């Protein structure tokens, strides 16, 4: 859990409310960007270090789940 520091007493209340809303908006968008779309085909050129989610087994992907690509090979992450 992230601790929230209170704004200085000299901060305008409207500014504090605005900043709080904007930080919540940023946090929400970061959370949404972490959702992995399922892949139903193995990418032709997978990115080294990227995480992929495969909902079913295909080609080199032997079981459904999260897979990473590292140094030319697929690695099951869970």
PDB file of N, CA and C in Angstrom:
ATOM      1  N   UNK A   1       0.836  -1.171   0.000  1.00  0.00           N
ATOM      2  CA  UNK A   1       0.000   0.000   0.000  1.00  0.00           C
ATOM      3  C   UNK A   1       0.884   1.239   0.000  1.00  0.00           C
ATOM      4  N   UNK A   2       0.515   2.215  -0.773  1.00  0.00           N
ATOM      5  CA  UNK A   2       1.276   3.452  -0.865  1.00  0.00           C
ATOM      6  C   UNK A   2       0.767   4.430   0.176  1.00  0.00           C
ATOM      7  N   UNK A   3       1.682   5.018   0.929  1.00  0.00           N
ATOM      8  CA  UNK A   3       1.262   6.020   1.900  1.00  0.00           C
ATOM      9  C   UNK A   3       1.052   7.346   1.177  1.00  0.00           C
ATOM     10  N   UNK A   4       0.086   8.103   1.650  1.00  0.00           N
ATOM     11  CA  UNK A   4      -0.239   9.380   1.028  1.00  0.00           C
ATOM     12  C   UNK A   4       0.216  10.496   1.950  1.00  0.00           C
ATOM     13  N   UNK A   5       1.079  11.324   1.423  1.00  0.00           N
ATOM     14  CA  UNK A   5       1.566  12.471   2.185  1.00  0.00           C
ATOM     15  C   UNK A   5       0.554  13.598   2.075  1.00  0.00           C
ATOM     16  N   UNK A   6       0.238  14.217   3.189  1.00  0.00           N
ATOM     17  CA  UNK A   6      -0.700  15.330   3.182  1.00  0.00           C
ATOM     18  C   UNK A   6      -0.042  16.561   2.556  1.00  0.00           C
ATOM     19  N   UNK A   7      -0.805  17.344   1.799  1.00  0.00           N
ATOM     20  CA  UNK A   7      -0.224  18.554   1.203  1.00  0.00           C
ATOM     21  C   UNK A   7       0.108  19.580   2.284  1.00  0.00           C
ATOM     22  N   UNK A   8       1.003  20.490   1.968  1.00  0.00           N
ATOM     23  CA  UNK A   8       1.327  21.543   2.935  1.00  0.00           C
ATOM     24  C   UNK A   8       0.077  22.350   3.279  1.00  0.00           C
ATOM     25  N   UNK A   9       0.072  22.911   4.460  1.00  0.00           N
ATOM     26  CA  UNK A   9      -1.097  23.686   4.895  1.00  0.00           C
ATOM     27  C   UNK A   9      -1.363  24.883   3.990  1.00  0.00           C
ATOM     28  N   UNK A  10      -0.329  25.373   3.345  1.00  0.00           N
ATOM     29  CA  UNK A  10      -0.492  26.558   2.503  1.00  0.00           C
ATOM     30  C   UNK A  10      -1.072  26.232   1.120  1.00  0.00           C
ATOM     31  N   UNK A  11      -1.331  24.956   0.842  1.00  0.00           N
ATOM     32  CA  UNK A  11      -1.867  24.573  -0.460  1.00  0.00           C
ATOM     33  C   UNK A  11      -3.334  24.956  -0.569  1.00  0.00           C
ATOM     34  N   UNK A  12      -3.674  25.510  -1.698  1.00  0.00           N
ATOM     35  CA  UNK A  12      -5.059  25.871  -1.986  1.00  0.00           C
ATOM     36  C   UNK A  12      -5.894  24.586  -2.007  1.00  0.00           C
ATOM     37  N   UNK A  13      -7.003  24.519  -1.276  1.00  0.00           N
ATOM     38  CA  UNK A  13      -7.820  23.291  -1.242  1.00  0.00           C
ATOM     39  C   UNK A  13      -8.269  22.834  -2.636  1.00  0.00           C
ATOM     40  N   UNK A  14      -8.604  23.755  -3.507  1.00  0.00           N
ATOM     41  CA  UNK A  14      -9.035  23.382  -4.853  1.00  0.00           C
ATOM     42  C   UNK A  14      -7.879  22.715  -5.609  1.00  0.00           C
ATOM     43  N   UNK A  15      -6.662  23.219  -5.427  1.00  0.00           N
ATOM     44  CA  UNK A  15      -5.495  22.616  -6.073  1.00  0.00           C
ATOM     45  C   UNK A  15      -5.246  21.221  -5.511  1.00  0.00           C
ATOM     46  N   UNK A  16      -5.359  21.062  -4.211  1.00  0.00           N
ATOM     47  CA  UNK A  16      -5.157  19.754  -3.584  1.00  0.00           C
ATOM     48  C   UNK A  16      -6.167  18.742  -4.108  1.00  0.00           C
ATOM     49  N   UNK A  17      -7.426  19.145  -4.244  1.00  0.00           N
ATOM     50  CA  UNK A  17      -8.459  18.261  -4.771  1.00  0.00           C
ATOM     51  C   UNK A  17      -8.165  17.895  -6.227  1.00  0.00           C
ATOM     52  N   UNK A  18      -7.750  18.881  -7.012  1.00  0.00           N
ATOM     53  CA  UNK A  18      -7.405  18.647  -8.411  1.00  0.00           C
ATOM     54  C   UNK A  18      -6.253  17.646  -8.523  1.00  0.00           C
ATOM     55  N   UNK A  19      -5.191  17.855  -7.760  1.00  0.00           N
ATOM     56  CA  UNK A  19      -4.040  16.957  -7.804  1.00  0.00           C
ATOM     57  C   UNK A  19      -4.418  15.535  -7.384  1.00  0.00           C
ATOM     58  N   UNK A  20      -5.267  15.420  -6.388  1.00  0.00           N
ATOM     59  CA  UNK A  20      -5.727  14.108  -5.941  1.00  0.00           C
ATOM     60  C   UNK A  20      -6.483  13.401  -7.062  1.00  0.00           C
ATOM     61  N   UNK A  21      -7.385  14.120  -7.734  1.00  0.00           N
ATOM     62  CA  UNK A  21      -8.137  13.533  -8.849  1.00  0.00           C
ATOM     63  C   UNK A  21      -7.197  13.101  -9.971  1.00  0.00           C
ATOM     64  N   UNK A  22      -6.227  13.926 -10.301  1.00  0.00           N
ATOM     65  CA  UNK A  22      -5.308  13.604 -11.395  1.00  0.00           C
ATOM     66  C   UNK A  22      -4.435  12.392 -11.048  1.00  0.00           C
ATOM     67  N   UNK A  23      -3.969  12.301  -9.814  1.00  0.00           N
ATOM     68  CA  UNK A  23      -3.158  11.157  -9.408  1.00  0.00           C
ATOM     69  C   UNK A  23      -3.974   9.868  -9.409  1.00  0.00           C
ATOM     70  N   UNK A  24      -5.242   9.952  -9.006  1.00  0.00           N
ATOM     71  CA  UNK A  24      -6.107   8.779  -9.065  1.00  0.00           C
ATOM     72  C   UNK A  24      -6.341   8.357 -10.515  1.00  0.00           C
ATOM     73  N   UNK A  25      -6.490   9.333 -11.407  1.00  0.00           N
ATOM     74  CA  UNK A  25      -6.662   9.053 -12.824  1.00  0.00           C
ATOM     75  C   UNK A  25      -5.422   8.379 -13.396  1.00  0.00           C
ATOM     76  N   UNK A  26      -4.249   8.870 -13.054  1.00  0.00           N
ATOM     77  CA  UNK A  26      -2.989   8.272 -13.504  1.00  0.00           C
ATOM     78  C   UNK A  26      -2.875   6.845 -12.983  1.00  0.00           C
ATOM     79  N   UNK A  27      -3.169   6.644 -11.716  1.00  0.00           N
ATOM     80  CA  UNK A  27      -3.097   5.316 -11.116  1.00  0.00           C
ATOM     81  C   UNK A  27      -4.038   4.346 -11.815  1.00  0.00           C
ATOM     82  N   UNK A  28      -5.244   4.776 -12.091  1.00  0.00           N
ATOM     83  CA  UNK A  28      -6.224   3.932 -12.765  1.00  0.00           C
ATOM     84  C   UNK A  28      -5.738   3.541 -14.158  1.00  0.00           C
ATOM     85  N   UNK A  29      -5.188   4.483 -14.898  1.00  0.00           N
ATOM     86  CA  UNK A  29      -4.706   4.193 -16.249  1.00  0.00           C
ATOM     87  C   UNK A  29      -3.501   3.257 -16.235  1.00  0.00           C
ATOM     88  N   UNK A  30      -2.635   3.401 -15.253  1.00  0.00           N
ATOM     89  CA  UNK A  30      -1.500   2.484 -15.139  1.00  0.00           C
ATOM     90  C   UNK A  30      -2.009   1.076 -14.865  1.00  0.00           C
ATOM     91  N   UNK A  31      -2.992   0.934 -13.997  1.00  0.00           N
ATOM     92  CA  UNK A  31      -3.554  -0.388 -13.693  1.00  0.00           C
ATOM     93  C   UNK A  31      -4.160  -1.030 -14.936  1.00  0.00           C
ATOM     94  N   UNK A  32      -4.864  -0.254 -15.732  1.00  0.00           N
ATOM     95  CA  UNK A  32      -5.499  -0.787 -16.934  1.00  0.00           C
ATOM     96  C   UNK A  32      -4.471  -1.200 -17.983  1.00  0.00           C
ATOM     97  N   UNK A  33      -3.330  -0.540 -18.011  1.00  0.00           N
ATOM     98  CA  UNK A  33      -2.336  -0.867 -19.027  1.00  0.00           C
ATOM     99  C   UNK A  33      -1.597  -2.161 -18.719  1.00  0.00           C
ATOM    100  N   UNK A  34      -1.756  -2.689 -17.521  1.00  0.00           N
ATOM    101  CA  UNK A  34      -1.086  -3.932 -17.149  1.00  0.00           C
ATOM    102  C   UNK A  34      -1.860  -5.177 -17.557  1.00  0.00           C
ATOM    103  N   UNK A  35      -3.005  -5.010 -18.192  1.00  0.00           N
ATOM    104  CA  UNK A  35      -3.810  -6.151 -18.605  1.00  0.00           C
ATOM    105  C   UNK A  35      -3.222  -6.720 -19.894  1.00  0.00           C
ATOM    106  N   UNK A  36      -2.924  -8.003 -19.891  1.00  0.00           N
ATOM    107  CA  UNK A  36      -2.366  -8.647 -21.074  1.00  0.00           C
ATOM    108  C   UNK A  36      -3.489  -9.242 -21.914  1.00  0.00           C
ATOM    109  N   UNK A  37      -3.491  -8.899 -23.172  1.00  0.00           N
ATOM    110  CA  UNK A  37      -4.449  -9.494 -24.098  1.00  0.00           C
ATOM    111  C   UNK A  37      -4.005 -10.913 -24.432  1.00  0.00           C
ATOM    112  N   UNK A  38      -4.956 -11.832 -24.579  1.00  0.00           N
ATOM    113  CA  UNK A  38      -4.571 -13.194 -24.928  1.00  0.00           C
ATOM    114  C   UNK A  38      -4.024 -13.273 -26.353  1.00  0.00           C
ATOM    115  N   UNK A  39      -3.025 -14.106 -26.541  1.00  0.00           N
ATOM    116  CA  UNK A  39      -2.454 -14.369 -27.860  1.00  0.00           C
ATOM    117  C   UNK A  39      -2.910 -15.751 -28.293  1.00  0.00           C
ATOM    118  N   UNK A  40      -3.442 -15.836 -29.501  1.00  0.00           N
ATOM    119  CA  UNK A  40      -3.909 -17.113 -30.032  1.00  0.00           C
ATOM    120  C   UNK A  40      -2.962 -17.671 -31.090  1.00  0.00           C
ATOM    121  N   UNK A  41      -1.971 -16.871 -31.459  1.00  0.00           N
ATOM    122  CA  UNK A  41      -0.908 -17.320 -32.365  1.00  0.00           C
ATOM    123  C   UNK A  41       0.422 -16.847 -31.782  1.00  0.00           C
ATOM    124  N   UNK A  42       1.458 -17.620 -32.031  1.00  0.00           N
ATOM    125  CA  UNK A  42       2.795 -17.247 -31.570  1.00  0.00           C
ATOM    126  C   UNK A  42       3.299 -16.116 -32.470  1.00  0.00           C
ATOM    127  N   UNK A  43       3.785 -15.007 -31.904  1.00  0.00           N
ATOM    128  CA  UNK A  43       4.283 -13.918 -32.735  1.00  0.00           C
ATOM    129  C   UNK A  43       5.448 -14.370 -33.614  1.00  0.00           C
ATOM    130  N   UNK A  44       5.500 -13.849 -34.837  1.00  0.00           N
ATOM    131  CA  UNK A  44       6.595 -14.200 -35.741  1.00  0.00           C
ATOM    132  C   UNK A  44       7.929 -13.683 -35.220  1.00  0.00           C
ATOM    133  N   UNK A  45       7.905 -12.497 -34.616  1.00  0.00           N
ATOM    134  CA  UNK A  45       9.124 -11.900 -34.057  1.00  0.00           C
ATOM    135  C   UNK A  45       8.836 -11.475 -32.615  1.00  0.00           C
ATOM    136  N   UNK A  46       8.871 -12.415 -31.672  1.00  0.00           N
ATOM    137  CA  UNK A  46       8.604 -12.045 -30.279  1.00  0.00           C
ATOM    138  C   UNK A  46       9.706 -11.146 -29.730  1.00  0.00           C
ATOM    139  N   UNK A  47       9.331 -10.248 -28.832  1.00  0.00           N
ATOM    140  CA  UNK A  47      10.289  -9.327 -28.212  1.00  0.00           C
ATOM    141  C   UNK A  47      10.965  -9.995 -27.028  1.00  0.00           C
ATOM    142  N   UNK A  48      12.288  -9.930 -27.000  1.00  0.00           N
ATOM    143  CA  UNK A  48      13.060 -10.466 -25.885  1.00  0.00           C
ATOM    144  C   UNK A  48      12.656  -9.749 -24.594  1.00  0.00           C
ATOM    145  N   UNK A  49      12.293 -10.488 -23.562  1.00  0.00           N
ATOM    146  CA  UNK A  49      11.934  -9.910 -22.276  1.00  0.00           C
ATOM    147  C   UNK A  49      10.468  -9.547 -22.120  1.00  0.00           C
ATOM    148  N   UNK A  50       9.673  -9.661 -23.170  1.00  0.00           N
ATOM    149  CA  UNK A  50       8.250  -9.329 -23.088  1.00  0.00           C
ATOM    150  C   UNK A  50       7.469 -10.527 -22.556  1.00  0.00           C
ATOM    151  N   UNK A  51       6.383 -10.255 -21.833  1.00  0.00           N
ATOM    152  CA  UNK A  51       5.519 -11.306 -21.301  1.00  0.00           C
ATOM    153  C   UNK A  51       4.285 -11.417 -22.186  1.00  0.00           C
ATOM    154  N   UNK A  52       3.925 -12.655 -22.518  1.00  0.00           N
ATOM    155  CA  UNK A  52       2.765 -12.944 -23.347  1.00  0.00           C
ATOM    156  C   UNK A  52       1.834 -13.873 -22.583  1.00  0.00           C
ATOM    157  N   UNK A  53       0.529 -13.742 -22.842  1.00  0.00           N
ATOM    158  CA  UNK A  53      -0.448 -14.659 -22.251  1.00  0.00           C
ATOM    159  C   UNK A  53      -1.069 -15.483 -23.379  1.00  0.00           C
ATOM    160  N   UNK A  54      -0.966 -16.810 -23.248  1.00  0.00           N
ATOM    161  CA  UNK A  54      -1.561 -17.735 -24.202  1.00  0.00           C
ATOM    162  C   UNK A  54      -2.644 -18.543 -23.476  1.00  0.00           C
ATOM    163  N   UNK A  55      -3.918 -18.438 -23.901  1.00  0.00           N
ATOM    164  CA  UNK A  55      -4.986 -19.166 -23.219  1.00  0.00           C
ATOM    165  C   UNK A  55      -5.056 -20.644 -23.590  1.00  0.00           C
ATOM    166  N   UNK A  56      -4.280 -21.058 -24.602  1.00  0.00           N
ATOM    167  CA  UNK A  56      -4.269 -22.473 -24.976  1.00  0.00           C
ATOM    168  C   UNK A  56      -2.893 -22.844 -25.523  1.00  0.00           C
ATOM    169  N   UNK A  57      -2.638 -24.135 -25.620  1.00  0.00           N
ATOM    170  CA  UNK A  57      -1.351 -24.613 -26.125  1.00  0.00           C
ATOM    171  C   UNK A  57      -1.309 -24.488 -27.650  1.00  0.00           C
ATOM    172  N   UNK A  58      -0.212 -23.932 -28.166  1.00  0.00           N
ATOM    173  CA  UNK A  58       0.007 -23.816 -29.605  1.00  0.00           C
ATOM    174  C   UNK A  58       1.503 -23.856 -29.877  1.00  0.00           C
ATOM    175  N   UNK A  59       1.900 -24.577 -30.899  1.00  0.00           N
ATOM    176  CA  UNK A  59       3.305 -24.664 -31.314  1.00  0.00           C
ATOM    177  C   UNK A  59       4.247 -24.883 -30.129  1.00  0.00           C
ATOM    178  N   UNK A  60       5.171 -23.951 -29.887  1.00  0.00           N
ATOM    179  CA  UNK A  60       6.145 -24.082 -28.802  1.00  0.00           C
ATOM    180  C   UNK A  60       5.539 -23.838 -27.413  1.00  0.00           C
ATOM    181  N   UNK A  61       4.333 -23.333 -27.369  1.00  0.00           N
ATOM    182  CA  UNK A  61       3.650 -23.060 -26.096  1.00  0.00           C
ATOM    183  C   UNK A  61       2.938 -24.350 -25.698  1.00  0.00           C
ATOM    184  N   UNK A  62       3.495 -25.054 -24.738  1.00  0.00           N
ATOM    185  CA  UNK A  62       3.001 -26.394 -24.405  1.00  0.00           C
ATOM    186  C   UNK A  62       1.792 -26.410 -23.483  1.00  0.00           C
ATOM    187  N   UNK A  63       1.603 -25.346 -22.706  1.00  0.00           N
ATOM    188  CA  UNK A  63       0.455 -25.267 -21.801  1.00  0.00           C
ATOM    189  C   UNK A  63      -0.045 -23.826 -21.753  1.00  0.00           C
ATOM    190  N   UNK A  64      -1.324 -23.623 -21.450  1.00  0.00           N
ATOM    191  CA  UNK A  64      -1.827 -22.261 -21.309  1.00  0.00           C
ATOM    192  C   UNK A  64      -1.130 -21.547 -20.153  1.00  0.00           C
ATOM    193  N   UNK A  65      -1.031 -20.238 -20.249  1.00  0.00           N
ATOM    194  CA  UNK A  65      -0.471 -19.454 -19.158  1.00  0.00           C
ATOM    195  C   UNK A  65       0.378 -18.295 -19.639  1.00  0.00           C
ATOM    196  N   UNK A  66       1.193 -17.787 -18.737  1.00  0.00           N
ATOM    197  CA  UNK A  66       2.062 -16.652 -19.020  1.00  0.00           C
ATOM    198  C   UNK A  66       3.428 -17.156 -19.459  1.00  0.00           C
ATOM    199  N   UNK A  67       3.911 -16.621 -20.557  1.00  0.00           N
ATOM    200  CA  UNK A  67       5.177 -17.033 -21.137  1.00  0.00           C
ATOM    201  C   UNK A  67       6.019 -15.802 -21.428  1.00  0.00           C
ATOM    202  N   UNK A  68       7.318 -15.959 -21.281  1.00  0.00           N
ATOM    203  CA  UNK A  68       8.262 -14.922 -21.647  1.00  0.00           C
ATOM    204  C   UNK A  68       9.143 -15.418 -22.772  1.00  0.00           C
ATOM    205  N   UNK A  69       9.751 -14.486 -23.469  1.00  0.00           N
ATOM    206  CA  UNK A  69      10.668 -14.851 -24.540  1.00  0.00           C
ATOM    207  C   UNK A  69      12.039 -14.353 -24.150  1.00  0.00           C
ATOM    208  N   UNK A  70      13.010 -15.263 -24.105  1.00  0.00           N
ATOM    209  CA  UNK A  70      14.352 -14.905 -23.650  1.00  0.00           C
ATOM    210  C   UNK A  70      15.412 -15.612 -24.479  1.00  0.00           C
ATOM    211  N   UNK A  71      16.260 -14.824 -25.109  1.00  0.00           N
ATOM    212  CA  UNK A  71      17.392 -15.357 -25.887  1.00  0.00           C
ATOM    213  C   UNK A  71      16.987 -16.454 -26.862  1.00  0.00           C
ATOM    214  N   UNK A  72      15.923 -16.214 -27.602  1.00  0.00           N
ATOM    215  CA  UNK A  72      15.509 -17.136 -28.651  1.00  0.00           C
ATOM    216  C   UNK A  72      14.686 -18.315 -28.199  1.00  0.00           C
ATOM    217  N   UNK A  73      14.222 -18.325 -26.954  1.00  0.00           N
ATOM    218  CA  UNK A  73      13.436 -19.458 -26.443  1.00  0.00           C
ATOM    219  C   UNK A  73      12.263 -18.974 -25.604  1.00  0.00           C
ATOM    220  N   UNK A  74      11.166 -19.744 -25.630  1.00  0.00           N
ATOM    221  CA  UNK A  74      10.014 -19.474 -24.796  1.00  0.00           C
ATOM    222  C   UNK A  74      10.236 -20.060 -23.417  1.00  0.00           C
ATOM    223  N   UNK A  75       9.844 -19.289 -22.389  1.00  0.00           N
ATOM    224  CA  UNK A  75      10.012 -19.713 -20.997  1.00  0.00           C
ATOM    225  C   UNK A  75       8.656 -19.576 -20.304  1.00  0.00           C
ATOM    226  N   UNK A  76       8.178 -20.665 -19.712  1.00  0.00           N
ATOM    227  CA  UNK A  76       6.885 -20.614 -18.982  1.00  0.00           C
ATOM    228  C   UNK A  76       7.087 -19.881 -17.674  1.00  0.00           C
ATOM    229  N   UNK A  77       6.216 -18.886 -17.445  1.00  0.00           N
ATOM    230  CA  UNK A  77       6.310 -18.072 -16.223  1.00  0.00           C
ATOM    231  C   UNK A  77       5.252 -18.473 -15.200  1.00  0.00           C
ATOM    232  N   UNK A  78       4.191 -19.075 -15.624  1.00  0.00           N
ATOM    233  CA  UNK A  78       3.151 -19.482 -14.684  1.00  0.00           C
ATOM    234  C   UNK A  78       1.804 -19.501 -15.294  1.00  0.00           C
TER     235      UNK A  78
END
